Amino acid sequence: MYLSTLEINGFKCFDKSFSIEFNDGLNVLVGENGAGKTGIISAIRQLFTDSESGKRSIRDRDFYRGFSHGAMTSESIHIEATFSELNQNETTAFIDWCGQEPEAKTYLYSNESRITWTLPVPDLGRTPAH
């Protein structure tokens, strides 16, 4: 199993929809200062880090804010991660995240007043593993 794609919008330095694909194995993020390397890592962390109270922690500073004077702040955050090549054990562990494909998807949608954690509903008609 590996993180194959990450989509980010309205989070940190990502004002427009941004998508990055990862390969199985080692991936390296390279870029100038302010290019978004830390934003990518922060987005991944945001999907998998709970606070002590069990709630997602989104702060005002997590919303995209333009760099120019008077720039608009993003009204919402969208982070989506797709994991590919899950084996049978991983598919079972991530059953709530998997559809018909051997992929798991997790989503985080946030606006200034609430956070919605979305997991796809498992296919109840699926044949059980033997």
N, C-alpha and C. Protein backbone atom coordinates (compact mmCIF):
# COMPACT_ATOMS: atom_id res chain seq x y z
N MET A 1 0.85 -1.17 0.00
CA MET A 1 0.00 0.00 0.00
C MET A 1 0.90 1.23 0.00
N TYR A 2 0.49 2.22 -0.76
CA TYR A 2 1.22 3.48 -0.76
C TYR A 2 0.28 4.63 -1.09
N LEU A 3 0.65 5.82 -0.65
CA LEU A 3 -0.10 7.03 -0.98
C LEU A 3 0.17 7.32 -2.45
N SER A 4 -0.87 7.25 -3.29
CA SER A 4 -0.68 7.43 -4.73
C SER A 4 -1.03 8.83 -5.21
N THR A 5 -2.05 9.46 -4.64
CA THR A 5 -2.39 10.82 -5.04
C THR A 5 -2.82 11.63 -3.82
N LEU A 6 -2.60 12.91 -3.91
CA LEU A 6 -3.03 13.85 -2.89
C LEU A 6 -3.57 15.07 -3.60
N GLU A 7 -4.80 15.47 -3.24
CA GLU A 7 -5.42 16.66 -3.81
C GLU A 7 -5.68 17.66 -2.68
N ILE A 8 -5.30 18.91 -2.93
CA ILE A 8 -5.41 19.96 -1.90
C ILE A 8 -6.02 21.20 -2.54
N ASN A 9 -6.93 21.85 -1.81
CA ASN A 9 -7.50 23.11 -2.28
C ASN A 9 -7.86 23.96 -1.06
N GLY A 10 -7.42 25.21 -1.06
CA GLY A 10 -7.77 26.14 0.02
C GLY A 10 -7.00 25.95 1.30
N PHE A 11 -5.96 25.13 1.29
CA PHE A 11 -5.19 24.81 2.49
C PHE A 11 -3.79 25.42 2.39
N LYS A 12 -3.40 26.13 3.42
CA LYS A 12 -2.07 26.75 3.51
C LYS A 12 -1.78 27.59 2.27
N CYS A 13 -0.82 27.19 1.43
CA CYS A 13 -0.41 27.99 0.27
C CYS A 13 -1.15 27.60 -1.01
N PHE A 14 -2.11 26.69 -0.93
CA PHE A 14 -2.80 26.17 -2.12
C PHE A 14 -4.15 26.86 -2.30
N ASP A 15 -4.16 27.92 -3.11
CA ASP A 15 -5.40 28.65 -3.33
C ASP A 15 -6.28 27.98 -4.37
N LYS A 16 -5.67 27.29 -5.32
CA LYS A 16 -6.40 26.58 -6.37
C LYS A 16 -6.18 25.09 -6.19
N SER A 17 -6.98 24.30 -6.88
CA SER A 17 -6.85 22.85 -6.78
C SER A 17 -5.44 22.42 -7.19
N PHE A 18 -4.81 21.65 -6.32
CA PHE A 18 -3.45 21.15 -6.54
C PHE A 18 -3.48 19.64 -6.38
N SER A 19 -2.86 18.93 -7.29
CA SER A 19 -2.82 17.48 -7.23
C SER A 19 -1.38 17.01 -7.45
N ILE A 20 -0.97 16.03 -6.66
CA ILE A 20 0.36 15.46 -6.81
C ILE A 20 0.23 13.94 -6.79
N GLU A 21 0.99 13.28 -7.65
CA GLU A 21 1.02 11.82 -7.69
C GLU A 21 2.32 11.33 -7.09
N PHE A 22 2.22 10.25 -6.33
CA PHE A 22 3.38 9.64 -5.71
C PHE A 22 3.60 8.26 -6.30
N ASN A 23 4.83 7.79 -6.26
CA ASN A 23 5.18 6.45 -6.73
C ASN A 23 5.30 5.53 -5.53
N ASP A 24 5.18 4.24 -5.78
CA ASP A 24 5.44 3.25 -4.75
C ASP A 24 6.93 3.34 -4.41
N GLY A 25 7.27 3.40 -3.16
CA GLY A 25 8.66 3.53 -2.76
C GLY A 25 8.97 4.93 -2.29
N LEU A 26 10.21 5.34 -2.45
CA LEU A 26 10.68 6.63 -1.96
C LEU A 26 10.25 7.76 -2.89
N ASN A 27 9.72 8.83 -2.32
CA ASN A 27 9.37 10.04 -3.05
C ASN A 27 10.07 11.20 -2.38
N VAL A 28 10.55 12.15 -3.17
CA VAL A 28 11.28 13.30 -2.65
C VAL A 28 10.58 14.57 -3.12
N LEU A 29 10.34 15.48 -2.19
CA LEU A 29 9.76 16.79 -2.52
C LEU A 29 10.90 17.80 -2.61
N VAL A 30 11.04 18.42 -3.77
CA VAL A 30 12.10 19.39 -4.01
C VAL A 30 11.47 20.66 -4.55
N GLY A 31 11.91 21.80 -4.07
CA GLY A 31 11.40 23.07 -4.57
C GLY A 31 11.96 24.23 -3.80
N GLU A 32 11.75 25.41 -4.33
CA GLU A 32 12.21 26.63 -3.68
C GLU A 32 11.41 26.88 -2.41
N ASN A 33 11.91 27.78 -1.59
CA ASN A 33 11.16 28.19 -0.40
C ASN A 33 9.81 28.75 -0.84
N GLY A 34 8.76 28.38 -0.11
CA GLY A 34 7.43 28.86 -0.43
C GLY A 34 6.74 28.12 -1.56
N ALA A 35 7.35 27.04 -2.06
CA ALA A 35 6.77 26.29 -3.18
C ALA A 35 5.63 25.37 -2.75
N GLY A 36 5.56 25.02 -1.45
CA GLY A 36 4.47 24.18 -0.96
C GLY A 36 4.89 22.84 -0.40
N LYS A 37 6.18 22.59 -0.24
CA LYS A 37 6.63 21.31 0.29
C LYS A 37 6.06 21.05 1.68
N THR A 38 6.18 22.01 2.57
CA THR A 38 5.65 21.87 3.92
C THR A 38 4.13 21.79 3.91
N GLY A 39 3.48 22.50 3.01
CA GLY A 39 2.02 22.43 2.87
C GLY A 39 1.55 21.04 2.51
N ILE A 40 2.29 20.35 1.64
CA ILE A 40 1.95 18.98 1.26
C ILE A 40 2.05 18.06 2.48
N ILE A 41 3.16 18.16 3.21
CA ILE A 41 3.34 17.34 4.41
C ILE A 41 2.26 17.66 5.45
N SER A 42 1.95 18.93 5.63
CA SER A 42 0.91 19.33 6.59
C SER A 42 -0.46 18.78 6.21
N ALA A 43 -0.77 18.76 4.91
CA ALA A 43 -2.05 18.22 4.45
C ALA A 43 -2.15 16.73 4.77
N ILE A 44 -1.07 16.00 4.54
CA ILE A 44 -1.07 14.56 4.86
C ILE A 44 -1.25 14.37 6.36
N ARG A 45 -0.53 15.12 7.15
CA ARG A 45 -0.67 15.03 8.61
C ARG A 45 -2.09 15.34 9.06
N GLN A 46 -2.69 16.35 8.44
CA GLN A 46 -4.04 16.77 8.82
C GLN A 46 -5.04 15.62 8.68
N LEU A 47 -4.85 14.79 7.67
CA LEU A 47 -5.78 13.67 7.45
C LEU A 47 -5.68 12.59 8.52
N PHE A 48 -4.53 12.47 9.15
CA PHE A 48 -4.31 11.34 10.04
C PHE A 48 -3.97 11.71 11.47
N THR A 49 -4.10 12.96 11.83
CA THR A 49 -3.78 13.39 13.18
C THR A 49 -5.03 13.89 13.88
N ASP A 50 -5.37 13.25 14.96
CA ASP A 50 -6.49 13.69 15.80
C ASP A 50 -5.93 14.48 16.97
N SER A 51 -6.73 15.37 17.49
CA SER A 51 -6.36 16.05 18.73
C SER A 51 -6.70 15.13 19.89
N GLU A 52 -6.36 15.53 21.07
CA GLU A 52 -6.65 14.72 22.24
C GLU A 52 -8.14 14.51 22.42
N SER A 53 -8.96 15.45 21.97
CA SER A 53 -10.40 15.32 22.11
C SER A 53 -11.02 14.46 21.00
N GLY A 54 -10.18 14.00 20.05
CA GLY A 54 -10.69 13.18 18.97
C GLY A 54 -11.22 13.99 17.80
N LYS A 55 -11.02 15.29 17.82
CA LYS A 55 -11.52 16.15 16.75
C LYS A 55 -10.36 16.63 15.89
N ARG A 56 -10.66 16.90 14.64
CA ARG A 56 -9.67 17.48 13.74
C ARG A 56 -9.36 18.90 14.18
N SER A 57 -8.15 19.30 14.01
CA SER A 57 -7.74 20.63 14.44
C SER A 57 -7.43 21.50 13.22
N ILE A 58 -8.38 22.32 12.83
CA ILE A 58 -8.19 23.28 11.75
C ILE A 58 -8.18 24.66 12.39
N ARG A 59 -7.16 25.43 12.09
CA ARG A 59 -7.05 26.78 12.64
C ARG A 59 -7.21 27.79 11.52
N ASP A 60 -7.42 29.03 11.89
CA ASP A 60 -7.54 30.10 10.89
C ASP A 60 -6.33 30.14 9.97
N ARG A 61 -5.16 29.90 10.51
CA ARG A 61 -3.94 29.98 9.70
C ARG A 61 -3.82 28.85 8.68
N ASP A 62 -4.67 27.80 8.80
CA ASP A 62 -4.64 26.69 7.84
C ASP A 62 -5.34 27.05 6.53
N PHE A 63 -6.23 28.04 6.56
CA PHE A 63 -6.93 28.45 5.35
C PHE A 63 -5.99 29.30 4.49
N TYR A 64 -6.07 29.10 3.18
CA TYR A 64 -5.23 29.88 2.27
C TYR A 64 -5.51 31.36 2.45
N ARG A 65 -4.46 32.12 2.55
CA ARG A 65 -4.54 33.58 2.60
C ARG A 65 -3.56 34.11 1.56
N GLY A 66 -4.06 34.95 0.69
CA GLY A 66 -3.19 35.53 -0.34
C GLY A 66 -2.05 36.31 0.27
N PHE A 67 -1.02 36.51 -0.51
CA PHE A 67 0.17 37.19 -0.01
C PHE A 67 0.10 38.70 -0.18
N SER A 68 -0.78 39.17 -1.04
CA SER A 68 -0.87 40.62 -1.27
C SER A 68 -1.82 41.26 -0.26
N HIS A 69 -1.66 42.56 -0.07
CA HIS A 69 -2.52 43.30 0.85
C HIS A 69 -3.97 43.23 0.38
N GLY A 70 -4.89 42.88 1.26
CA GLY A 70 -6.30 42.80 0.93
C GLY A 70 -6.72 41.53 0.22
N ALA A 71 -5.82 40.55 0.14
CA ALA A 71 -6.14 39.29 -0.54
C ALA A 71 -7.22 38.54 0.24
N MET A 72 -8.03 37.80 -0.49
CA MET A 72 -9.13 37.04 0.11
C MET A 72 -8.61 35.76 0.77
N THR A 73 -9.28 35.37 1.85
CA THR A 73 -9.00 34.11 2.53
C THR A 73 -9.92 33.04 1.97
N SER A 74 -9.39 31.84 1.80
CA SER A 74 -10.20 30.72 1.33
C SER A 74 -11.36 30.47 2.29
N GLU A 75 -12.53 30.16 1.75
CA GLU A 75 -13.70 29.86 2.59
C GLU A 75 -13.76 28.40 2.99
N SER A 76 -13.04 27.54 2.29
CA SER A 76 -13.10 26.12 2.61
C SER A 76 -11.76 25.45 2.32
N ILE A 77 -11.60 24.28 2.89
CA ILE A 77 -10.42 23.44 2.68
C ILE A 77 -10.89 22.09 2.18
N HIS A 78 -10.18 21.56 1.19
CA HIS A 78 -10.45 20.22 0.68
C HIS A 78 -9.11 19.50 0.59
N ILE A 79 -9.02 18.36 1.26
CA ILE A 79 -7.83 17.51 1.19
C ILE A 79 -8.33 16.09 0.90
N GLU A 80 -7.77 15.46 -0.11
CA GLU A 80 -8.17 14.10 -0.47
C GLU A 80 -6.92 13.28 -0.74
N ALA A 81 -6.84 12.11 -0.11
CA ALA A 81 -5.70 11.21 -0.31
C ALA A 81 -6.20 9.87 -0.83
N THR A 82 -5.47 9.30 -1.78
CA THR A 82 -5.79 7.97 -2.31
C THR A 82 -4.60 7.05 -2.08
N PHE A 83 -4.88 5.90 -1.49
CA PHE A 83 -3.87 4.88 -1.28
C PHE A 83 -4.13 3.74 -2.25
N SER A 84 -3.09 3.25 -2.91
CA SER A 84 -3.24 2.22 -3.94
C SER A 84 -2.48 0.95 -3.56
N GLU A 85 -2.83 -0.11 -4.29
CA GLU A 85 -2.20 -1.43 -4.16
C GLU A 85 -2.30 -1.99 -2.74
N LEU A 86 -3.52 -1.94 -2.20
CA LEU A 86 -3.74 -2.53 -0.89
C LEU A 86 -3.82 -4.04 -1.04
N ASN A 87 -3.17 -4.77 -0.14
CA ASN A 87 -3.32 -6.22 -0.14
C ASN A 87 -4.59 -6.57 0.64
N GLN A 88 -4.91 -7.84 0.73
CA GLN A 88 -6.16 -8.26 1.37
C GLN A 88 -6.25 -7.80 2.82
N ASN A 89 -5.17 -7.91 3.57
CA ASN A 89 -5.18 -7.47 4.97
C ASN A 89 -5.39 -5.97 5.09
N GLU A 90 -4.74 -5.20 4.21
CA GLU A 90 -4.90 -3.75 4.24
C GLU A 90 -6.31 -3.36 3.82
N THR A 91 -6.86 -4.05 2.84
CA THR A 91 -8.23 -3.78 2.41
C THR A 91 -9.20 -4.03 3.55
N THR A 92 -8.97 -5.10 4.31
CA THR A 92 -9.82 -5.40 5.46
C THR A 92 -9.68 -4.32 6.53
N ALA A 93 -8.45 -3.89 6.79
CA ALA A 93 -8.22 -2.86 7.81
C ALA A 93 -8.84 -1.53 7.42
N PHE A 94 -8.90 -1.25 6.11
CA PHE A 94 -9.43 0.01 5.62
C PHE A 94 -10.79 -0.17 4.94
N ILE A 95 -11.55 -1.17 5.34
CA ILE A 95 -12.81 -1.51 4.67
C ILE A 95 -13.75 -0.31 4.55
N ASP A 96 -13.79 0.55 5.56
CA ASP A 96 -14.66 1.71 5.50
C ASP A 96 -14.21 2.73 4.46
N TRP A 97 -12.97 2.66 4.05
CA TRP A 97 -12.44 3.63 3.10
C TRP A 97 -12.44 3.10 1.68
N CYS A 98 -12.66 1.80 1.48
CA CYS A 98 -12.50 1.18 0.17
C CYS A 98 -13.82 1.04 -0.57
N GLY A 99 -13.77 1.21 -1.86
CA GLY A 99 -14.91 0.91 -2.73
C GLY A 99 -14.65 -0.44 -3.37
N GLN A 100 -14.99 -0.58 -4.64
CA GLN A 100 -14.77 -1.83 -5.37
C GLN A 100 -13.31 -2.02 -5.77
N GLU A 101 -12.57 -0.95 -5.84
CA GLU A 101 -11.18 -1.01 -6.29
C GLU A 101 -10.25 -1.25 -5.10
N PRO A 102 -9.05 -1.76 -5.38
CA PRO A 102 -8.08 -1.94 -4.28
C PRO A 102 -7.42 -0.62 -3.92
N GLU A 103 -8.24 0.38 -3.61
CA GLU A 103 -7.77 1.70 -3.21
C GLU A 103 -8.53 2.13 -1.97
N ALA A 104 -7.91 2.94 -1.16
CA ALA A 104 -8.58 3.55 -0.01
C ALA A 104 -8.51 5.05 -0.20
N LYS A 105 -9.63 5.73 0.06
CA LYS A 105 -9.66 7.19 -0.05
C LYS A 105 -10.11 7.78 1.27
N THR A 106 -9.49 8.85 1.64
CA THR A 106 -9.89 9.57 2.83
C THR A 106 -9.99 11.05 2.47
N TYR A 107 -10.96 11.74 3.03
CA TYR A 107 -11.25 13.12 2.66
C TYR A 107 -11.36 13.98 3.91
N LEU A 108 -11.00 15.22 3.78
CA LEU A 108 -11.25 16.21 4.82
C LEU A 108 -11.78 17.45 4.13
N TYR A 109 -12.99 17.85 4.50
CA TYR A 109 -13.59 19.09 4.00
C TYR A 109 -13.78 19.99 5.20
N SER A 110 -13.43 21.23 5.06
CA SER A 110 -13.59 22.16 6.18
C SER A 110 -14.00 23.52 5.66
N ASN A 111 -14.89 24.16 6.40
CA ASN A 111 -15.12 25.58 6.16
C ASN A 111 -14.88 26.27 7.49
N GLU A 112 -15.11 27.53 7.56
CA GLU A 112 -14.74 28.26 8.76
C GLU A 112 -15.56 27.87 9.99
N SER A 113 -16.64 27.14 9.83
CA SER A 113 -17.47 26.83 10.98
C SER A 113 -17.51 25.36 11.35
N ARG A 114 -17.10 24.47 10.44
CA ARG A 114 -17.17 23.05 10.79
C ARG A 114 -16.22 22.23 9.93
N ILE A 115 -15.97 21.03 10.39
CA ILE A 115 -15.14 20.08 9.66
C ILE A 115 -15.99 18.85 9.39
N THR A 116 -15.94 18.37 8.16
CA THR A 116 -16.66 17.16 7.81
C THR A 116 -15.65 16.11 7.40
N TRP A 117 -15.63 15.00 8.10
CA TRP A 117 -14.76 13.88 7.80
C TRP A 117 -15.59 12.88 7.03
N THR A 118 -15.20 12.58 5.81
CA THR A 118 -16.00 11.74 4.93
C THR A 118 -15.29 10.44 4.63
N LEU A 119 -15.95 9.34 4.88
CA LEU A 119 -15.45 8.03 4.48
C LEU A 119 -16.49 7.38 3.57
N PRO A 120 -16.07 6.86 2.42
CA PRO A 120 -17.03 6.18 1.56
C PRO A 120 -17.69 5.01 2.28
N VAL A 121 -18.94 4.77 1.98
CA VAL A 121 -19.68 3.65 2.58
C VAL A 121 -19.23 2.36 1.91
N PRO A 122 -18.90 1.32 2.68
CA PRO A 122 -18.48 0.06 2.06
C PRO A 122 -19.62 -0.57 1.28
N ASP A 123 -19.26 -1.31 0.23
CA ASP A 123 -20.25 -2.01 -0.57
C ASP A 123 -20.74 -3.23 0.21
N LEU A 124 -21.97 -3.19 0.65
CA LEU A 124 -22.51 -4.28 1.47
C LEU A 124 -22.79 -5.53 0.66
N GLY A 125 -22.81 -5.42 -0.67
CA GLY A 125 -23.04 -6.58 -1.53
C GLY A 125 -21.77 -7.31 -1.90
N ARG A 126 -20.65 -6.89 -1.37
CA ARG A 126 -19.37 -7.49 -1.71
C ARG A 126 -19.29 -8.91 -1.15
N THR A 127 -18.67 -9.80 -1.90
CA THR A 127 -18.49 -11.18 -1.45
C THR A 127 -17.42 -11.21 -0.37
N PRO A 128 -17.70 -11.84 0.77
CA PRO A 128 -16.70 -11.86 1.85
C PRO A 128 -15.46 -12.64 1.44
N ALA A 129 -14.31 -12.25 1.98
CA ALA A 129 -13.05 -12.95 1.71
C ALA A 129 -13.05 -14.29 2.43
N HIS A 130 -12.40 -15.27 1.83
CA HIS A 130 -12.32 -16.61 2.44
C HIS A 130 -10.95 -16.86 2.98
